[in-house]
Every structure is written in structure tokens, then in C-alpha cells.
Amino acid sequence: QVQLVESGGGLVQAGGSLRLSCVASGSLFVGNIMGWYRQAPGKQRELVATITSGESTNYADSVKGRFTISRGNVKNLVYLQMNSLEPEDTAVYYCRYYADWSRDYWGQGTQVTVSS
């Protein structure tokens, strides 16, 4: 069992920045992928960014150049630095931990609201 706790969400004006944090605990494996996903009202959950154990990253086209995913000083900590935020970025952001098909976990989500 893996527990994921997100923090850092909130209300920000367009053009501003936020940094989301996700800490994973429990039965963790060295080899894993962690990522951030988001779900806006009335829309499906979509990938925002992922990072592997080797720190290879992948980003949705909509956030390239604005968001940065990274691992913290300890491997169970992942960040999402969000710059130049737009109202379209408003969504619930979820942290994901994936080691294999039987070890795939999601956090509870944190709300990000970007005002005009």
C-alpha cells in the first residue's frame, strides 16, 4: 500500500506561480514513475507531467515551457512547479505513483484555481 499526500494548491491570479508537492509513503519501490494529472470540471482526467526513477520527464503539450516536474531531496517527494498560470489550468491536480500494474496509486487531489 502506498499513500500519497498532495499540498500546495490554492488560488492564484493569471500569470502567477504555484508549486505542488506530493509525498509518497508505504511500500515503495526504487523503480517507479510518479506524475501529476489534472481534472477540470466536466472533463476527463488528463496527464500533466511524469517523471521516472531516472528523472526522464514527459509533459502535456499544454504545459510545456510553463510547468516543471522534479523529484525532491528524497526520492519519495515530487514537485510540480507551475509558472505563467492560466485560467485554463484550473483543475483538481492528482499525484500518481506507479511501480507496476499491481502498484498504481493516486492521491486525493489538490485544487488549483487560477483567476483572471
PDB file of N, CA and C in Angstrom:
ATOM      1  N   GLN A   1       0.832  -1.184   0.000  1.00  0.00           N
ATOM      2  CA  GLN A   1       0.000   0.000   0.000  1.00  0.00           C
ATOM      3  C   GLN A   1       0.876   1.248   0.000  1.00  0.00           C
ATOM      4  N   VAL A   2       0.509   2.195  -0.832  1.00  0.00           N
ATOM      5  CA  VAL A   2       1.208   3.467  -0.927  1.00  0.00           C
ATOM      6  C   VAL A   2       0.224   4.582  -0.655  1.00  0.00           C
ATOM      7  N   GLN A   3       0.631   5.511   0.153  1.00  0.00           N
ATOM      8  CA  GLN A   3      -0.169   6.686   0.425  1.00  0.00           C
ATOM      9  C   GLN A   3       0.492   7.902  -0.217  1.00  0.00           C
ATOM     10  N   LEU A   4      -0.315   8.738  -0.833  1.00  0.00           N
ATOM     11  CA  LEU A   4       0.165   9.943  -1.481  1.00  0.00           C
ATOM     12  C   LEU A   4      -0.561  11.138  -0.890  1.00  0.00           C
ATOM     13  N   VAL A   5       0.190  12.123  -0.473  1.00  0.00           N
ATOM     14  CA  VAL A   5      -0.382  13.326   0.101  1.00  0.00           C
ATOM     15  C   VAL A   5       0.106  14.528  -0.682  1.00  0.00           C
ATOM     16  N   GLU A   6      -0.823  15.257  -1.269  1.00  0.00           N
ATOM     17  CA  GLU A   6      -0.503  16.436  -2.057  1.00  0.00           C
ATOM     18  C   GLU A   6      -0.706  17.698  -1.230  1.00  0.00           C
ATOM     19  N   SER A   7       0.028  18.718  -1.585  1.00  0.00           N
ATOM     20  CA  SER A   7      -0.139  20.017  -0.963  1.00  0.00           C
ATOM     21  C   SER A   7       0.321  21.092  -1.932  1.00  0.00           C
ATOM     22  N   GLY A   8      -0.014  22.332  -1.634  1.00  0.00           N
ATOM     23  CA  GLY A   8       0.444  23.453  -2.423  1.00  0.00           C
ATOM     24  C   GLY A   8      -0.593  24.082  -3.327  1.00  0.00           C
ATOM     25  N   GLY A   9      -1.749  23.471  -3.431  1.00  0.00           N
ATOM     26  CA  GLY A   9      -2.793  24.046  -4.253  1.00  0.00           C
ATOM     27  C   GLY A   9      -3.356  25.297  -3.616  1.00  0.00           C
ATOM     28  N   GLY A  10      -4.111  26.027  -4.403  1.00  0.00           N
ATOM     29  CA  GLY A  10      -4.709  27.243  -3.896  1.00  0.00           C
ATOM     30  C   GLY A  10      -5.219  28.121  -5.005  1.00  0.00           C
ATOM     31  N   LEU A  11      -5.453  29.366  -4.656  1.00  0.00           N
ATOM     32  CA  LEU A  11      -5.968  30.364  -5.580  1.00  0.00           C
ATOM     33  C   LEU A  11      -4.847  31.302  -5.988  1.00  0.00           C
ATOM     34  N   VAL A  12      -4.704  31.519  -7.282  1.00  0.00           N
ATOM     35  CA  VAL A  12      -3.664  32.393  -7.793  1.00  0.00           C
ATOM     36  C   VAL A  12      -4.195  33.149  -8.998  1.00  0.00           C
ATOM     37  N   GLN A  13      -3.691  34.351  -9.210  1.00  0.00           N
ATOM     38  CA  GLN A  13      -4.087  35.124 -10.378  1.00  0.00           C
ATOM     39  C   GLN A  13      -3.345  34.653 -11.619  1.00  0.00           C
ATOM     40  N   ALA A  14      -3.949  34.881 -12.763  1.00  0.00           N
ATOM     41  CA  ALA A  14      -3.313  34.530 -14.024  1.00  0.00           C
ATOM     42  C   ALA A  14      -1.926  35.158 -14.108  1.00  0.00           C
ATOM     43  N   GLY A  15      -0.979  34.366 -14.582  1.00  0.00           N
ATOM     44  CA  GLY A  15       0.393  34.807 -14.666  1.00  0.00           C
ATOM     45  C   GLY A  15       1.220  34.460 -13.450  1.00  0.00           C
ATOM     46  N   GLY A  16       0.569  34.035 -12.395  1.00  0.00           N
ATOM     47  CA  GLY A  16       1.256  33.699 -11.169  1.00  0.00           C
ATOM     48  C   GLY A  16       1.811  32.289 -11.175  1.00  0.00           C
ATOM     49  N   SER A  17       2.350  31.895 -10.030  1.00  0.00           N
ATOM     50  CA  SER A  17       3.001  30.601  -9.901  1.00  0.00           C
ATOM     51  C   SER A  17       2.548  29.879  -8.649  1.00  0.00           C
ATOM     52  N   LEU A  18       2.606  28.571  -8.707  1.00  0.00           N
ATOM     53  CA  LEU A  18       2.380  27.706  -7.567  1.00  0.00           C
ATOM     54  C   LEU A  18       3.327  26.528  -7.666  1.00  0.00           C
ATOM     55  N   ARG A  19       3.662  25.946  -6.533  1.00  0.00           N
ATOM     56  CA  ARG A  19       4.420  24.716  -6.523  1.00  0.00           C
ATOM     57  C   ARG A  19       3.657  23.667  -5.738  1.00  0.00           C
ATOM     58  N   LEU A  20       3.300  22.600  -6.414  1.00  0.00           N
ATOM     59  CA  LEU A  20       2.629  21.490  -5.780  1.00  0.00           C
ATOM     60  C   LEU A  20       3.653  20.481  -5.280  1.00  0.00           C
ATOM     61  N   SER A  21       3.349  19.860  -4.158  1.00  0.00           N
ATOM     62  CA  SER A  21       4.210  18.840  -3.595  1.00  0.00           C
ATOM     63  C   SER A  21       3.421  17.561  -3.387  1.00  0.00           C
ATOM     64  N   CYS A  22       4.090  16.449  -3.543  1.00  0.00           N
ATOM     65  CA  CYS A  22       3.492  15.147  -3.301  1.00  0.00           C
ATOM     66  C   CYS A  22       4.504  14.283  -2.575  1.00  0.00           C
ATOM     67  N   VAL A  23       4.116  13.763  -1.431  1.00  0.00           N
ATOM     68  CA  VAL A  23       4.975  12.859  -0.687  1.00  0.00           C
ATOM     69  C   VAL A  23       4.337  11.479  -0.671  1.00  0.00           C
ATOM     70  N   ALA A  24       5.126  10.481  -1.020  1.00  0.00           N
ATOM     71  CA  ALA A  24       4.668   9.101  -1.046  1.00  0.00           C
ATOM     72  C   ALA A  24       5.238   8.342   0.140  1.00  0.00           C
ATOM     73  N   SER A  25       4.428   7.489   0.707  1.00  0.00           N
ATOM     74  CA  SER A  25       4.875   6.664   1.817  1.00  0.00           C
ATOM     75  C   SER A  25       4.250   5.285   1.706  1.00  0.00           C
ATOM     76  N   GLY A  26       4.841   4.327   2.399  1.00  0.00           N
ATOM     77  CA  GLY A  26       4.345   2.967   2.368  1.00  0.00           C
ATOM     78  C   GLY A  26       5.337   2.030   1.704  1.00  0.00           C
ATOM     79  N   SER A  27       4.809   1.073   0.951  1.00  0.00           N
ATOM     80  CA  SER A  27       5.636   0.059   0.297  1.00  0.00           C
ATOM     81  C   SER A  27       6.150   0.581  -1.036  1.00  0.00           C
ATOM     82  N   LEU A  28       7.220   1.343  -0.967  1.00  0.00           N
ATOM     83  CA  LEU A  28       7.763   1.994  -2.144  1.00  0.00           C
ATOM     84  C   LEU A  28       8.847   1.148  -2.800  1.00  0.00           C
ATOM     85  N   PHE A  29       8.948   1.262  -4.111  1.00  0.00           N
ATOM     86  CA  PHE A  29       9.960   0.564  -4.890  1.00  0.00           C
ATOM     87  C   PHE A  29      10.907   1.566  -5.507  1.00  0.00           C
ATOM     88  N   VAL A  30      12.162   1.142  -5.674  1.00  0.00           N
ATOM     89  CA  VAL A  30      13.163   2.018  -6.254  1.00  0.00           C
ATOM     90  C   VAL A  30      12.762   2.433  -7.664  1.00  0.00           C
ATOM     91  N   GLY A  31      12.313   1.477  -8.447  1.00  0.00           N
ATOM     92  CA  GLY A  31      11.884   1.758  -9.802  1.00  0.00           C
ATOM     93  C   GLY A  31      10.417   2.141  -9.839  1.00  0.00           C
ATOM     94  N   ASN A  32      10.153   3.361 -10.229  1.00  0.00           N
ATOM     95  CA  ASN A  32       8.771   3.816 -10.266  1.00  0.00           C
ATOM     96  C   ASN A  32       8.643   5.032 -11.168  1.00  0.00           C
ATOM     97  N   ILE A  33       7.419   5.342 -11.485  1.00  0.00           N
ATOM     98  CA  ILE A  33       7.090   6.568 -12.204  1.00  0.00           C
ATOM     99  C   ILE A  33       6.119   7.350 -11.340  1.00  0.00           C
ATOM    100  N   MET A  34       6.383   8.610 -11.175  1.00  0.00           N
ATOM    101  CA  MET A  34       5.443   9.467 -10.485  1.00  0.00           C
ATOM    102  C   MET A  34       5.014  10.577 -11.430  1.00  0.00           C
ATOM    103  N   GLY A  35       3.814  11.043 -11.221  1.00  0.00           N
ATOM    104  CA  GLY A  35       3.314  12.050 -12.129  1.00  0.00           C
ATOM    105  C   GLY A  35       2.217  12.890 -11.539  1.00  0.00           C
ATOM    106  N   TRP A  36       1.882  13.912 -12.292  1.00  0.00           N
ATOM    107  CA  TRP A  36       0.781  14.792 -11.963  1.00  0.00           C
ATOM    108  C   TRP A  36      -0.249  14.733 -13.079  1.00  0.00           C
ATOM    109  N   TYR A  37      -1.496  14.621 -12.680  1.00  0.00           N
ATOM    110  CA  TYR A  37      -2.625  14.629 -13.584  1.00  0.00           C
ATOM    111  C   TYR A  37      -3.610  15.668 -13.089  1.00  0.00           C
ATOM    112  N   ARG A  38      -4.500  16.092 -13.954  1.00  0.00           N
ATOM    113  CA  ARG A  38      -5.485  17.068 -13.524  1.00  0.00           C
ATOM    114  C   ARG A  38      -6.835  16.768 -14.150  1.00  0.00           C
ATOM    115  N   GLN A  39      -7.863  17.225 -13.474  1.00  0.00           N
ATOM    116  CA  GLN A  39      -9.219  17.048 -13.951  1.00  0.00           C
ATOM    117  C   GLN A  39      -9.993  18.331 -13.714  1.00  0.00           C
ATOM    118  N   ALA A  40     -10.400  18.951 -14.799  1.00  0.00           N
ATOM    119  CA  ALA A  40     -11.214  20.153 -14.737  1.00  0.00           C
ATOM    120  C   ALA A  40     -12.688  19.761 -14.724  1.00  0.00           C
ATOM    121  N   PRO A  41     -13.550  20.640 -14.238  1.00  0.00           N
ATOM    122  CA  PRO A  41     -14.981  20.325 -14.204  1.00  0.00           C
ATOM    123  C   PRO A  41     -15.509  19.942 -15.578  1.00  0.00           C
ATOM    124  N   GLY A  42     -16.206  18.828 -15.638  1.00  0.00           N
ATOM    125  CA  GLY A  42     -16.799  18.375 -16.880  1.00  0.00           C
ATOM    126  C   GLY A  42     -15.842  17.743 -17.860  1.00  0.00           C
ATOM    127  N   LYS A  43     -14.592  17.563 -17.473  1.00  0.00           N
ATOM    128  CA  LYS A  43     -13.603  16.984 -18.367  1.00  0.00           C
ATOM    129  C   LYS A  43     -12.994  15.724 -17.762  1.00  0.00           C
ATOM    130  N   GLN A  44     -12.374  14.927 -18.624  1.00  0.00           N
ATOM    131  CA  GLN A  44     -11.684  13.731 -18.170  1.00  0.00           C
ATOM    132  C   GLN A  44     -10.345  14.098 -17.537  1.00  0.00           C
ATOM    133  N   ARG A  45      -9.865  13.206 -16.697  1.00  0.00           N
ATOM    134  CA  ARG A  45      -8.548  13.397 -16.117  1.00  0.00           C
ATOM    135  C   ARG A  45      -7.490  13.281 -17.207  1.00  0.00           C
ATOM    136  N   GLU A  46      -6.536  14.175 -17.191  1.00  0.00           N
ATOM    137  CA  GLU A  46      -5.507  14.191 -18.217  1.00  0.00           C
ATOM    138  C   GLU A  46      -4.121  14.261 -17.595  1.00  0.00           C
ATOM    139  N   LEU A  47      -3.162  13.733 -18.320  1.00  0.00           N
ATOM    140  CA  LEU A  47      -1.774  13.787 -17.889  1.00  0.00           C
ATOM    141  C   LEU A  47      -1.258  15.208 -17.952  1.00  0.00           C
ATOM    142  N   VAL A  48      -0.529  15.600 -16.926  1.00  0.00           N
ATOM    143  CA  VAL A  48       0.162  16.876 -16.913  1.00  0.00           C
ATOM    144  C   VAL A  48       1.655  16.655 -17.118  1.00  0.00           C
ATOM    145  N   ALA A  49       2.245  15.829 -16.269  1.00  0.00           N
ATOM    146  CA  ALA A  49       3.675  15.559 -16.357  1.00  0.00           C
ATOM    147  C   ALA A  49       4.003  14.286 -15.605  1.00  0.00           C
ATOM    148  N   THR A  50       5.025  13.574 -16.060  1.00  0.00           N
ATOM    149  CA  THR A  50       5.513  12.396 -15.359  1.00  0.00           C
ATOM    150  C   THR A  50       7.026  12.463 -15.243  1.00  0.00           C
ATOM    151  N   ILE A  51       7.549  11.722 -14.273  1.00  0.00           N
ATOM    152  CA  ILE A  51       8.990  11.636 -14.087  1.00  0.00           C
ATOM    153  C   ILE A  51       9.332  10.225 -13.645  1.00  0.00           C
ATOM    154  N   THR A  52      10.359   9.639 -14.258  1.00  0.00           N
ATOM    155  CA  THR A  52      10.781   8.290 -13.936  1.00  0.00           C
ATOM    156  C   THR A  52      11.828   8.309 -12.833  1.00  0.00           C
ATOM    157  N   SER A  53      12.216   7.108 -12.388  1.00  0.00           N
ATOM    158  CA  SER A  53      13.280   6.997 -11.403  1.00  0.00           C
ATOM    159  C   SER A  53      14.577   7.584 -11.928  1.00  0.00           C
ATOM    160  N   GLY A  54      14.780   7.490 -13.234  1.00  0.00           N
ATOM    161  CA  GLY A  54      15.952   8.072 -13.857  1.00  0.00           C
ATOM    162  C   GLY A  54      15.789   9.533 -14.196  1.00  0.00           C
ATOM    163  N   GLU A  55      14.690  10.112 -13.771  1.00  0.00           N
ATOM    164  CA  GLU A  55      14.379  11.534 -13.941  1.00  0.00           C
ATOM    165  C   GLU A  55      14.155  11.936 -15.390  1.00  0.00           C
ATOM    166  N   SER A  56      13.728  10.982 -16.204  1.00  0.00           N
ATOM    167  CA  SER A  56      13.221  11.331 -17.521  1.00  0.00           C
ATOM    168  C   SER A  56      11.822  11.906 -17.349  1.00  0.00           C
ATOM    169  N   THR A  57      11.520  12.967 -18.067  1.00  0.00           N
ATOM    170  CA  THR A  57      10.252  13.658 -17.886  1.00  0.00           C
ATOM    171  C   THR A  57       9.424  13.667 -19.154  1.00  0.00           C
ATOM    172  N   ASN A  58       8.131  13.813 -18.966  1.00  0.00           N
ATOM    173  CA  ASN A  58       7.189  13.900 -20.061  1.00  0.00           C
ATOM    174  C   ASN A  58       6.132  14.922 -19.677  1.00  0.00           C
ATOM    175  N   TYR A  59       5.755  15.776 -20.636  1.00  0.00           N
ATOM    176  CA  TYR A  59       4.799  16.833 -20.365  1.00  0.00           C
ATOM    177  C   TYR A  59       3.694  16.868 -21.402  1.00  0.00           C
ATOM    178  N   ALA A  60       2.520  17.252 -20.950  1.00  0.00           N
ATOM    179  CA  ALA A  60       1.460  17.555 -21.883  1.00  0.00           C
ATOM    180  C   ALA A  60       1.837  18.803 -22.684  1.00  0.00           C
ATOM    181  N   ASP A  61       1.418  18.839 -23.937  1.00  0.00           N
ATOM    182  CA  ASP A  61       1.746  19.981 -24.780  1.00  0.00           C
ATOM    183  C   ASP A  61       1.257  21.298 -24.177  1.00  0.00           C
ATOM    184  N   SER A  62       0.140  21.246 -23.490  1.00  0.00           N
ATOM    185  CA  SER A  62      -0.462  22.453 -22.964  1.00  0.00           C
ATOM    186  C   SER A  62       0.343  23.100 -21.838  1.00  0.00           C
ATOM    187  N   VAL A  63       1.264  22.355 -21.238  1.00  0.00           N
ATOM    188  CA  VAL A  63       2.025  22.897 -20.112  1.00  0.00           C
ATOM    189  C   VAL A  63       3.514  22.990 -20.392  1.00  0.00           C
ATOM    190  N   LYS A  64       3.955  22.523 -21.549  1.00  0.00           N
ATOM    191  CA  LYS A  64       5.377  22.579 -21.879  1.00  0.00           C
ATOM    192  C   LYS A  64       5.879  24.017 -21.843  1.00  0.00           C
ATOM    193  N   GLY A  65       7.010  24.193 -21.197  1.00  0.00           N
ATOM    194  CA  GLY A  65       7.593  25.512 -21.076  1.00  0.00           C
ATOM    195  C   GLY A  65       7.091  26.302 -19.893  1.00  0.00           C
ATOM    196  N   ARG A  66       6.020  25.840 -19.264  1.00  0.00           N
ATOM    197  CA  ARG A  66       5.458  26.537 -18.116  1.00  0.00           C
ATOM    198  C   ARG A  66       5.572  25.738 -16.827  1.00  0.00           C
ATOM    199  N   PHE A  67       5.406  24.423 -16.920  1.00  0.00           N
ATOM    200  CA  PHE A  67       5.445  23.560 -15.744  1.00  0.00           C
ATOM    201  C   PHE A  67       6.723  22.742 -15.740  1.00  0.00           C
ATOM    202  N   THR A  68       7.206  22.429 -14.546  1.00  0.00           N
ATOM    203  CA  THR A  68       8.377  21.582 -14.386  1.00  0.00           C
ATOM    204  C   THR A  68       8.121  20.564 -13.290  1.00  0.00           C
ATOM    205  N   ILE A  69       8.302  19.295 -13.620  1.00  0.00           N
ATOM    206  CA  ILE A  69       8.186  18.246 -12.620  1.00  0.00           C
ATOM    207  C   ILE A  69       9.582  17.853 -12.171  1.00  0.00           C
ATOM    208  N   SER A  70       9.738  17.576 -10.894  1.00  0.00           N
ATOM    209  CA  SER A  70      11.042  17.217 -10.365  1.00  0.00           C
ATOM    210  C   SER A  70      10.886  16.356  -9.124  1.00  0.00           C
ATOM    211  N   ARG A  71      11.944  15.626  -8.813  1.00  0.00           N
ATOM    212  CA  ARG A  71      11.992  14.878  -7.566  1.00  0.00           C
ATOM    213  C   ARG A  71      12.749  15.680  -6.531  1.00  0.00           C
ATOM    214  N   GLY A  72      12.364  15.512  -5.282  1.00  0.00           N
ATOM    215  CA  GLY A  72      12.969  16.262  -4.210  1.00  0.00           C
ATOM    216  C   GLY A  72      14.264  15.657  -3.720  1.00  0.00           C
ATOM    217  N   ASN A  73      14.708  16.179  -2.581  1.00  0.00           N
ATOM    218  CA  ASN A  73      15.942  15.681  -1.987  1.00  0.00           C
ATOM    219  C   ASN A  73      15.836  14.214  -1.598  1.00  0.00           C
ATOM    220  N   VAL A  74      14.636  13.779  -1.276  1.00  0.00           N
ATOM    221  CA  VAL A  74      14.362  12.372  -1.053  1.00  0.00           C
ATOM    222  C   VAL A  74      13.477  11.883  -2.186  1.00  0.00           C
ATOM    223  N   LYS A  75      13.646  10.616  -2.546  1.00  0.00           N
ATOM    224  CA  LYS A  75      13.021  10.092  -3.751  1.00  0.00           C
ATOM    225  C   LYS A  75      11.512   9.965  -3.655  1.00  0.00           C
ATOM    226  N   ASN A  76      10.963  10.004  -2.461  1.00  0.00           N
ATOM    227  CA  ASN A  76       9.518   9.883  -2.323  1.00  0.00           C
ATOM    228  C   ASN A  76       8.808  11.226  -2.355  1.00  0.00           C
ATOM    229  N   LEU A  77       9.507  12.266  -2.737  1.00  0.00           N
ATOM    230  CA  LEU A  77       8.942  13.602  -2.809  1.00  0.00           C
ATOM    231  C   LEU A  77       9.014  14.101  -4.248  1.00  0.00           C
ATOM    232  N   VAL A  78       7.893  14.548  -4.771  1.00  0.00           N
ATOM    233  CA  VAL A  78       7.819  15.038  -6.143  1.00  0.00           C
ATOM    234  C   VAL A  78       7.152  16.400  -6.153  1.00  0.00           C
ATOM    235  N   TYR A  79       7.663  17.284  -6.994  1.00  0.00           N
ATOM    236  CA  TYR A  79       7.133  18.631  -7.114  1.00  0.00           C
ATOM    237  C   TYR A  79       6.587  18.878  -8.508  1.00  0.00           C
ATOM    238  N   LEU A  80       5.683  19.819  -8.585  1.00  0.00           N
ATOM    239  CA  LEU A  80       5.259  20.372  -9.859  1.00  0.00           C
ATOM    240  C   LEU A  80       5.312  21.885  -9.731  1.00  0.00           C
ATOM    241  N   GLN A  81       6.315  22.476 -10.356  1.00  0.00           N
ATOM    242  CA  GLN A  81       6.422  23.928 -10.390  1.00  0.00           C
ATOM    243  C   GLN A  81       5.580  24.441 -11.539  1.00  0.00           C
ATOM    244  N   MET A  82       4.647  25.308 -11.231  1.00  0.00           N
ATOM    245  CA  MET A  82       3.693  25.798 -12.205  1.00  0.00           C
ATOM    246  C   MET A  82       3.874  27.303 -12.355  1.00  0.00           C
ATOM    247  N   ASN A  83       4.335  27.730 -13.514  1.00  0.00           N
ATOM    248  CA  ASN A  83       4.547  29.137 -13.799  1.00  0.00           C
ATOM    249  C   ASN A  83       3.609  29.600 -14.902  1.00  0.00           C
ATOM    250  N   SER A  84       3.457  30.906 -14.993  1.00  0.00           N
ATOM    251  CA  SER A  84       2.609  31.509 -16.027  1.00  0.00           C
ATOM    252  C   SER A  84       1.247  30.846 -16.084  1.00  0.00           C
ATOM    253  N   LEU A  85       0.646  30.704 -14.934  1.00  0.00           N
ATOM    254  CA  LEU A  85      -0.632  30.010 -14.849  1.00  0.00           C
ATOM    255  C   LEU A  85      -1.731  30.752 -15.592  1.00  0.00           C
ATOM    256  N   GLU A  86      -2.606  29.986 -16.183  1.00  0.00           N
ATOM    257  CA  GLU A  86      -3.728  30.498 -16.951  1.00  0.00           C
ATOM    258  C   GLU A  86      -5.025  29.970 -16.360  1.00  0.00           C
ATOM    259  N   PRO A  87      -6.135  30.685 -16.577  1.00  0.00           N
ATOM    260  CA  PRO A  87      -7.416  30.172 -16.070  1.00  0.00           C
ATOM    261  C   PRO A  87      -7.715  28.752 -16.535  1.00  0.00           C
ATOM    262  N   GLU A  88      -7.244  28.389 -17.712  1.00  0.00           N
ATOM    263  CA  GLU A  88      -7.454  27.049 -18.242  1.00  0.00           C
ATOM    264  C   GLU A  88      -6.734  25.978 -17.437  1.00  0.00           C
ATOM    265  N   ASP A  89      -5.813  26.377 -16.584  1.00  0.00           N
ATOM    266  CA  ASP A  89      -5.112  25.423 -15.723  1.00  0.00           C
ATOM    267  C   ASP A  89      -5.928  25.057 -14.491  1.00  0.00           C
ATOM    268  N   THR A  90      -7.032  25.726 -14.276  1.00  0.00           N
ATOM    269  CA  THR A  90      -7.873  25.444 -13.119  1.00  0.00           C
ATOM    270  C   THR A  90      -8.369  24.006 -13.167  1.00  0.00           C
ATOM    271  N   ALA A  91      -8.097  23.267 -12.110  1.00  0.00           N
ATOM    272  CA  ALA A  91      -8.458  21.856 -12.053  1.00  0.00           C
ATOM    273  C   ALA A  91      -8.074  21.303 -10.692  1.00  0.00           C
ATOM    274  N   VAL A  92      -8.529  20.094 -10.432  1.00  0.00           N
ATOM    275  CA  VAL A  92      -8.009  19.332  -9.313  1.00  0.00           C
ATOM    276  C   VAL A  92      -6.792  18.571  -9.819  1.00  0.00           C
ATOM    277  N   TYR A  93      -5.687  18.727  -9.144  1.00  0.00           N
ATOM    278  CA  TYR A  93      -4.441  18.089  -9.539  1.00  0.00           C
ATOM    279  C   TYR A  93      -4.183  16.878  -8.653  1.00  0.00           C
ATOM    280  N   TYR A  94      -3.890  15.751  -9.298  1.00  0.00           N
ATOM    281  CA  TYR A  94      -3.682  14.489  -8.612  1.00  0.00           C
ATOM    282  C   TYR A  94      -2.258  13.994  -8.795  1.00  0.00           C
ATOM    283  N   CYS A  95      -1.684  13.493  -7.736  1.00  0.00           N
ATOM    284  CA  CYS A  95      -0.388  12.848  -7.782  1.00  0.00           C
ATOM    285  C   CYS A  95      -0.576  11.350  -8.005  1.00  0.00           C
ATOM    286  N   ARG A  96       0.293  10.758  -8.827  1.00  0.00           N
ATOM    287  CA  ARG A  96       0.212   9.330  -9.124  1.00  0.00           C
ATOM    288  C   ARG A  96       1.560   8.658  -8.887  1.00  0.00           C
ATOM    289  N   TYR A  97       1.493   7.476  -8.332  1.00  0.00           N
ATOM    290  CA  TYR A  97       2.660   6.619  -8.138  1.00  0.00           C
ATOM    291  C   TYR A  97       2.405   5.312  -8.868  1.00  0.00           C
ATOM    292  N   TYR A  98       3.357   4.898  -9.724  1.00  0.00           N
ATOM    293  CA  TYR A  98       3.219   3.666 -10.491  1.00  0.00           C
ATOM    294  C   TYR A  98       4.527   2.902 -10.449  1.00  0.00           C
ATOM    295  N   ALA A  99       4.482   1.680  -9.941  1.00  0.00           N
ATOM    296  CA  ALA A  99       5.632   0.789  -9.957  1.00  0.00           C
ATOM    297  C   ALA A  99       5.414  -0.374 -10.921  1.00  0.00           C
ATOM    298  N   ASP A 100       4.223  -0.935 -10.915  1.00  0.00           N
ATOM    299  CA  ASP A 100       3.805  -1.945 -11.873  1.00  0.00           C
ATOM    300  C   ASP A 100       2.280  -1.980 -11.865  1.00  0.00           C
ATOM    301  N   TRP A 101       1.705  -2.882 -12.641  1.00  0.00           N
ATOM    302  CA  TRP A 101       0.254  -2.891 -12.779  1.00  0.00           C
ATOM    303  C   TRP A 101      -0.481  -3.093 -11.462  1.00  0.00           C
ATOM    304  N   SER A 102       0.153  -3.752 -10.504  1.00  0.00           N
ATOM    305  CA  SER A 102      -0.482  -4.007  -9.218  1.00  0.00           C
ATOM    306  C   SER A 102      -0.133  -2.963  -8.167  1.00  0.00           C
ATOM    307  N   ARG A 103       0.697  -2.007  -8.541  1.00  0.00           N
ATOM    308  CA  ARG A 103       1.107  -0.956  -7.621  1.00  0.00           C
ATOM    309  C   ARG A 103       0.947   0.380  -8.315  1.00  0.00           C
ATOM    310  N   ASP A 104      -0.269   0.831  -8.361  1.00  0.00           N
ATOM    311  CA  ASP A 104      -0.661   2.043  -9.066  1.00  0.00           C
ATOM    312  C   ASP A 104      -1.599   2.812  -8.142  1.00  0.00           C
ATOM    313  N   TYR A 105      -1.143   3.938  -7.658  1.00  0.00           N
ATOM    314  CA  TYR A 105      -1.874   4.655  -6.620  1.00  0.00           C
ATOM    315  C   TYR A 105      -2.040   6.123  -6.962  1.00  0.00           C
ATOM    316  N   TRP A 106      -3.087   6.685  -6.420  1.00  0.00           N
ATOM    317  CA  TRP A 106      -3.422   8.091  -6.646  1.00  0.00           C
ATOM    318  C   TRP A 106      -3.619   8.812  -5.334  1.00  0.00           C
ATOM    319  N   GLY A 107      -3.250  10.073  -5.313  1.00  0.00           N
ATOM    320  CA  GLY A 107      -3.535  10.916  -4.176  1.00  0.00           C
ATOM    321  C   GLY A 107      -4.966  11.403  -4.201  1.00  0.00           C
ATOM    322  N   GLN A 108      -5.316  12.168  -3.197  1.00  0.00           N
ATOM    323  CA  GLN A 108      -6.693  12.630  -3.065  1.00  0.00           C
ATOM    324  C   GLN A 108      -6.995  13.853  -3.923  1.00  0.00           C
ATOM    325  N   GLY A 109      -5.970  14.506  -4.406  1.00  0.00           N
ATOM    326  CA  GLY A 109      -6.132  15.681  -5.237  1.00  0.00           C
ATOM    327  C   GLY A 109      -6.028  16.973  -4.458  1.00  0.00           C
ATOM    328  N   THR A 110      -5.551  17.997  -5.133  1.00  0.00           N
ATOM    329  CA  THR A 110      -5.484  19.329  -4.551  1.00  0.00           C
ATOM    330  C   THR A 110      -5.998  20.331  -5.576  1.00  0.00           C
ATOM    331  N   GLN A 111      -6.808  21.252  -5.123  1.00  0.00           N
ATOM    332  CA  GLN A 111      -7.458  22.199  -6.024  1.00  0.00           C
ATOM    333  C   GLN A 111      -6.523  23.339  -6.390  1.00  0.00           C
ATOM    334  N   VAL A 112      -6.446  23.615  -7.683  1.00  0.00           N
ATOM    335  CA  VAL A 112      -5.737  24.785  -8.195  1.00  0.00           C
ATOM    336  C   VAL A 112      -6.746  25.638  -8.938  1.00  0.00           C
ATOM    337  N   THR A 113      -6.880  26.875  -8.522  1.00  0.00           N
ATOM    338  CA  THR A 113      -7.806  27.796  -9.160  1.00  0.00           C
ATOM    339  C   THR A 113      -7.043  29.024  -9.621  1.00  0.00           C
ATOM    340  N   VAL A 114      -7.152  29.332 -10.899  1.00  0.00           N
ATOM    341  CA  VAL A 114      -6.459  30.472 -11.495  1.00  0.00           C
ATOM    342  C   VAL A 114      -7.504  31.476 -11.938  1.00  0.00           C
ATOM    343  N   SER A 115      -7.446  32.659 -11.381  1.00  0.00           N
ATOM    344  CA  SER A 115      -8.406  33.699 -11.702  1.00  0.00           C
ATOM    345  C   SER A 115      -7.842  34.655 -12.746  1.00  0.00           C
ATOM    346  N   SER A 116      -8.742  35.319 -13.457  1.00  0.00           N
ATOM    347  CA  SER A 116      -8.342  36.274 -14.485  1.00  0.00           C
ATOM    348  C   SER A 116      -7.849  37.564 -13.866  1.00  0.00           C
TER     349      SER A 116
END
